[in-house]
N, C-alpha and C. Protein backbone atom coordinates (compact mmCIF):
# COMPACT_ATOMS: atom_id res chain seq x y z
N UNK A 1 0.88 -1.19 0.02
CA UNK A 1 0.04 -0.07 -0.05
C UNK A 1 0.88 1.23 0.02
N UNK A 2 0.61 2.14 -0.92
CA UNK A 2 1.31 3.40 -0.94
C UNK A 2 0.43 4.53 -0.96
N UNK A 3 0.76 5.61 -0.05
CA UNK A 3 0.00 6.78 -0.01
C UNK A 3 0.59 7.81 -0.96
N UNK A 4 -0.09 8.39 -1.80
CA UNK A 4 0.52 9.35 -2.73
C UNK A 4 -0.12 10.73 -2.58
N UNK A 5 0.63 11.75 -2.72
CA UNK A 5 0.24 13.14 -2.84
C UNK A 5 0.46 13.68 -4.08
N UNK A 6 -0.69 14.04 -4.76
CA UNK A 6 -0.48 14.67 -6.04
C UNK A 6 -0.90 16.23 -6.08
N UNK A 7 0.03 17.05 -6.36
CA UNK A 7 -0.32 18.42 -6.33
C UNK A 7 -1.32 18.71 -7.42
N UNK A 8 -2.02 19.89 -7.37
CA UNK A 8 -3.03 20.36 -8.35
C UNK A 8 -2.36 20.35 -9.75
N UNK A 9 -3.18 19.93 -10.70
CA UNK A 9 -2.76 19.93 -12.07
C UNK A 9 -1.71 18.94 -12.58
N UNK A 10 -1.43 17.90 -11.80
CA UNK A 10 -0.41 16.96 -12.08
C UNK A 10 -0.95 15.62 -12.50
N UNK A 11 -0.28 14.77 -13.25
CA UNK A 11 -0.69 13.48 -13.72
C UNK A 11 0.38 12.47 -13.77
N UNK A 12 0.27 11.22 -13.61
CA UNK A 12 1.27 10.25 -13.78
C UNK A 12 1.18 9.78 -15.27
N UNK A 13 2.26 9.09 -15.76
CA UNK A 13 2.40 8.61 -17.03
C UNK A 13 1.40 7.42 -17.19
N UNK A 14 0.72 7.51 -18.32
CA UNK A 14 -0.22 6.37 -18.65
C UNK A 14 0.57 5.13 -18.81
N UNK A 15 0.02 3.98 -18.18
CA UNK A 15 0.70 2.70 -18.08
C UNK A 15 -0.28 1.59 -17.82
N UNK A 16 0.22 0.43 -17.80
CA UNK A 16 -0.51 -0.77 -17.50
C UNK A 16 0.42 -1.72 -16.55
N UNK A 17 -0.15 -2.72 -16.13
CA UNK A 17 0.57 -3.65 -15.32
C UNK A 17 0.28 -5.12 -15.80
N UNK A 18 1.38 -5.91 -15.97
CA UNK A 18 1.08 -7.23 -16.53
C UNK A 18 0.36 -8.12 -15.53
N UNK A 19 0.73 -8.13 -14.28
CA UNK A 19 0.04 -9.09 -13.35
C UNK A 19 -0.67 -8.28 -12.25
N UNK A 20 -0.30 -7.04 -11.90
CA UNK A 20 -0.93 -6.45 -10.71
C UNK A 20 -2.27 -5.94 -10.91
N UNK A 21 -3.14 -6.20 -9.96
CA UNK A 21 -4.48 -5.55 -9.89
C UNK A 21 -4.33 -4.43 -8.90
N UNK A 22 -4.71 -3.27 -9.28
CA UNK A 22 -4.68 -2.10 -8.38
C UNK A 22 -5.99 -1.60 -7.82
N UNK A 23 -5.95 -0.99 -6.70
CA UNK A 23 -7.10 -0.23 -6.16
C UNK A 23 -6.65 1.09 -5.71
N UNK A 24 -7.38 2.13 -6.09
CA UNK A 24 -7.15 3.42 -5.81
C UNK A 24 -8.33 4.04 -5.00
N UNK A 25 -7.82 4.58 -3.84
CA UNK A 25 -8.85 5.10 -2.86
C UNK A 25 -8.51 6.46 -2.58
N UNK A 26 -9.42 7.44 -2.61
CA UNK A 26 -9.29 8.87 -2.40
C UNK A 26 -9.41 9.23 -0.92
N UNK A 27 -8.30 9.77 -0.28
CA UNK A 27 -8.32 10.29 1.04
C UNK A 27 -8.75 11.68 1.14
N UNK A 28 -8.44 12.49 0.13
CA UNK A 28 -8.67 13.94 0.15
C UNK A 28 -8.55 14.42 -1.27
N UNK A 29 -9.53 15.26 -1.59
CA UNK A 29 -9.37 15.88 -3.04
C UNK A 29 -10.21 15.11 -4.10
N UNK A 30 -9.89 15.32 -5.34
CA UNK A 30 -10.69 14.72 -6.41
C UNK A 30 -9.73 14.05 -7.43
N UNK A 31 -9.87 12.73 -7.69
CA UNK A 31 -9.03 11.93 -8.47
C UNK A 31 -9.81 11.75 -9.79
N UNK A 32 -9.12 11.98 -11.01
CA UNK A 32 -9.54 11.60 -12.25
C UNK A 32 -8.70 10.47 -12.66
N UNK A 33 -9.39 9.41 -12.86
CA UNK A 33 -8.58 8.11 -13.18
C UNK A 33 -9.04 7.66 -14.59
N UNK A 34 -8.20 7.85 -15.58
CA UNK A 34 -8.50 7.43 -17.02
C UNK A 34 -8.08 5.97 -16.98
N UNK A 35 -9.09 5.17 -17.25
CA UNK A 35 -8.91 3.76 -17.48
C UNK A 35 -9.39 3.42 -18.94
N UNK A 36 -8.43 2.93 -19.68
CA UNK A 36 -8.68 2.55 -21.14
C UNK A 36 -9.40 3.77 -21.85
N UNK A 37 -8.96 5.03 -21.57
CA UNK A 37 -9.52 6.23 -22.18
C UNK A 37 -10.92 6.62 -21.75
N UNK A 38 -11.30 6.14 -20.65
CA UNK A 38 -12.62 6.55 -20.05
C UNK A 38 -12.33 7.15 -18.66
N UNK A 39 -12.74 8.42 -18.53
CA UNK A 39 -12.42 9.11 -17.21
C UNK A 39 -13.44 8.75 -16.14
N UNK A 40 -12.94 8.39 -14.97
CA UNK A 40 -13.71 8.14 -13.78
C UNK A 40 -13.35 9.31 -12.72
N UNK A 41 -14.33 9.97 -12.25
CA UNK A 41 -13.89 11.02 -11.30
C UNK A 41 -14.45 10.51 -9.93
N UNK A 42 -13.36 10.52 -8.90
CA UNK A 42 -13.75 9.93 -7.59
C UNK A 42 -13.39 11.08 -6.60
N UNK A 43 -14.21 10.97 -5.47
CA UNK A 43 -14.00 11.99 -4.40
C UNK A 43 -13.67 11.27 -3.09
N UNK A 44 -13.46 11.95 -2.04
CA UNK A 44 -13.12 11.45 -0.77
C UNK A 44 -13.94 10.25 -0.43
N UNK A 45 -13.33 9.23 -0.04
CA UNK A 45 -14.14 8.04 0.38
C UNK A 45 -14.63 7.00 -0.77
N UNK A 46 -14.12 7.34 -1.90
CA UNK A 46 -14.47 6.52 -3.17
C UNK A 46 -13.25 5.89 -3.57
N UNK A 47 -13.38 4.70 -4.25
CA UNK A 47 -12.32 3.96 -4.79
C UNK A 47 -12.68 3.23 -6.11
N UNK A 48 -11.60 2.78 -6.86
CA UNK A 48 -11.89 2.12 -8.10
C UNK A 48 -10.80 1.05 -8.24
N UNK A 49 -11.13 -0.09 -8.85
CA UNK A 49 -10.15 -1.17 -9.13
C UNK A 49 -9.76 -1.13 -10.62
N UNK A 50 -8.43 -1.41 -10.93
CA UNK A 50 -8.01 -1.43 -12.23
C UNK A 50 -7.34 -2.85 -12.35
N UNK A 51 -7.89 -3.60 -13.41
CA UNK A 51 -7.43 -4.85 -13.72
C UNK A 51 -6.05 -5.01 -14.44
N UNK A 52 -5.26 -6.06 -14.31
CA UNK A 52 -4.03 -6.18 -15.06
C UNK A 52 -4.33 -6.00 -16.48
N UNK A 53 -3.43 -5.43 -17.08
CA UNK A 53 -3.48 -5.15 -18.64
C UNK A 53 -4.25 -3.88 -19.02
N UNK A 54 -5.05 -3.31 -18.07
CA UNK A 54 -5.81 -2.09 -18.35
C UNK A 54 -4.84 -0.85 -18.37
N UNK A 55 -4.79 -0.05 -19.43
CA UNK A 55 -4.04 1.11 -19.40
C UNK A 55 -4.77 2.16 -18.58
N UNK A 56 -4.00 2.88 -17.70
CA UNK A 56 -4.71 3.89 -16.84
C UNK A 56 -3.63 4.97 -16.51
N UNK A 57 -4.20 6.13 -15.99
CA UNK A 57 -3.43 7.31 -15.75
C UNK A 57 -4.20 7.99 -14.64
N UNK A 58 -3.52 8.24 -13.43
CA UNK A 58 -4.11 9.00 -12.38
C UNK A 58 -3.85 10.46 -12.56
N UNK A 59 -4.86 11.25 -12.44
CA UNK A 59 -4.71 12.78 -12.68
C UNK A 59 -5.36 13.57 -11.61
N UNK A 60 -4.73 14.67 -11.31
CA UNK A 60 -5.32 15.69 -10.48
C UNK A 60 -5.75 16.82 -11.29
N UNK A 61 -6.92 16.91 -11.88
CA UNK A 61 -7.26 18.07 -12.68
C UNK A 61 -7.76 19.16 -11.91
N UNK A 62 -7.88 19.13 -10.57
CA UNK A 62 -8.47 20.10 -9.68
C UNK A 62 -7.48 21.09 -9.32
N UNK A 63 -7.90 22.08 -8.59
CA UNK A 63 -7.00 23.19 -8.17
C UNK A 63 -6.53 22.91 -6.65
N UNK A 64 -6.79 21.87 -6.15
CA UNK A 64 -6.37 21.36 -4.74
C UNK A 64 -5.57 20.15 -4.77
N UNK A 65 -4.78 19.85 -3.72
CA UNK A 65 -3.96 18.77 -3.63
C UNK A 65 -4.90 17.53 -3.59
N UNK A 66 -4.34 16.35 -3.99
CA UNK A 66 -5.03 15.06 -3.94
C UNK A 66 -4.16 14.07 -3.14
N UNK A 67 -4.87 13.35 -2.24
CA UNK A 67 -4.17 12.25 -1.46
C UNK A 67 -4.95 11.01 -1.74
N UNK A 68 -4.25 10.06 -2.14
CA UNK A 68 -4.76 8.69 -2.51
C UNK A 68 -3.92 7.53 -1.85
N UNK A 69 -4.58 6.51 -1.72
CA UNK A 69 -3.89 5.20 -1.37
C UNK A 69 -4.02 4.35 -2.54
N UNK A 70 -2.89 3.67 -2.94
CA UNK A 70 -2.91 2.78 -4.08
C UNK A 70 -2.32 1.32 -3.54
N UNK A 71 -3.08 0.35 -3.75
CA UNK A 71 -2.68 -0.94 -3.37
C UNK A 71 -2.62 -1.89 -4.69
N UNK A 72 -1.56 -2.68 -4.63
CA UNK A 72 -1.26 -3.56 -5.82
C UNK A 72 -1.11 -5.05 -5.37
N UNK A 73 -1.72 -5.84 -6.13
CA UNK A 73 -1.66 -7.30 -5.76
C UNK A 73 -1.57 -8.12 -6.95
N UNK A 74 -0.51 -8.88 -7.28
CA UNK A 74 0.65 -8.84 -6.45
C UNK A 74 1.40 -7.52 -6.60
N UNK A 75 2.41 -7.29 -5.70
CA UNK A 75 3.22 -6.02 -5.91
C UNK A 75 3.54 -5.60 -7.28
N UNK A 76 3.44 -4.34 -7.59
CA UNK A 76 3.57 -3.93 -8.94
C UNK A 76 4.97 -3.63 -9.29
N UNK A 77 5.98 -3.77 -8.48
CA UNK A 77 7.39 -3.48 -8.73
C UNK A 77 8.00 -4.33 -9.93
N UNK A 78 8.48 -3.72 -10.96
CA UNK A 78 8.81 -4.43 -12.16
C UNK A 78 7.79 -4.90 -13.11
N UNK A 79 6.54 -4.50 -12.83
CA UNK A 79 5.39 -4.98 -13.49
C UNK A 79 4.73 -4.04 -14.54
N UNK A 80 5.40 -2.79 -14.53
CA UNK A 80 4.83 -1.65 -15.24
C UNK A 80 5.20 -1.50 -16.54
N UNK A 81 4.26 -1.31 -17.49
CA UNK A 81 4.54 -0.98 -18.98
C UNK A 81 4.06 0.40 -19.29
N UNK A 82 4.91 1.43 -19.57
CA UNK A 82 4.49 2.62 -20.01
C UNK A 82 3.80 2.55 -21.33
N UNK A 83 2.60 3.23 -21.56
CA UNK A 83 1.87 3.11 -22.75
C UNK A 83 2.12 4.28 -23.64
């Protein structure tokens, strides 16, 4: 489990995982998660699962900081493919 802080207006690189299933949970702020080019907007207390092989990109399109928890099973180290 990793807690991440994303400043306003930032995004990670679009990518997928070969084996890892991930769950994103919003602690504070608004997460826009692009999964296979479909945007899901999540707020505090909401979460979403991303299956292995699905291209995704976490984005903070808001004007406020975003805090999320990301869990990966199995661990995603060495499992990432940038899209």
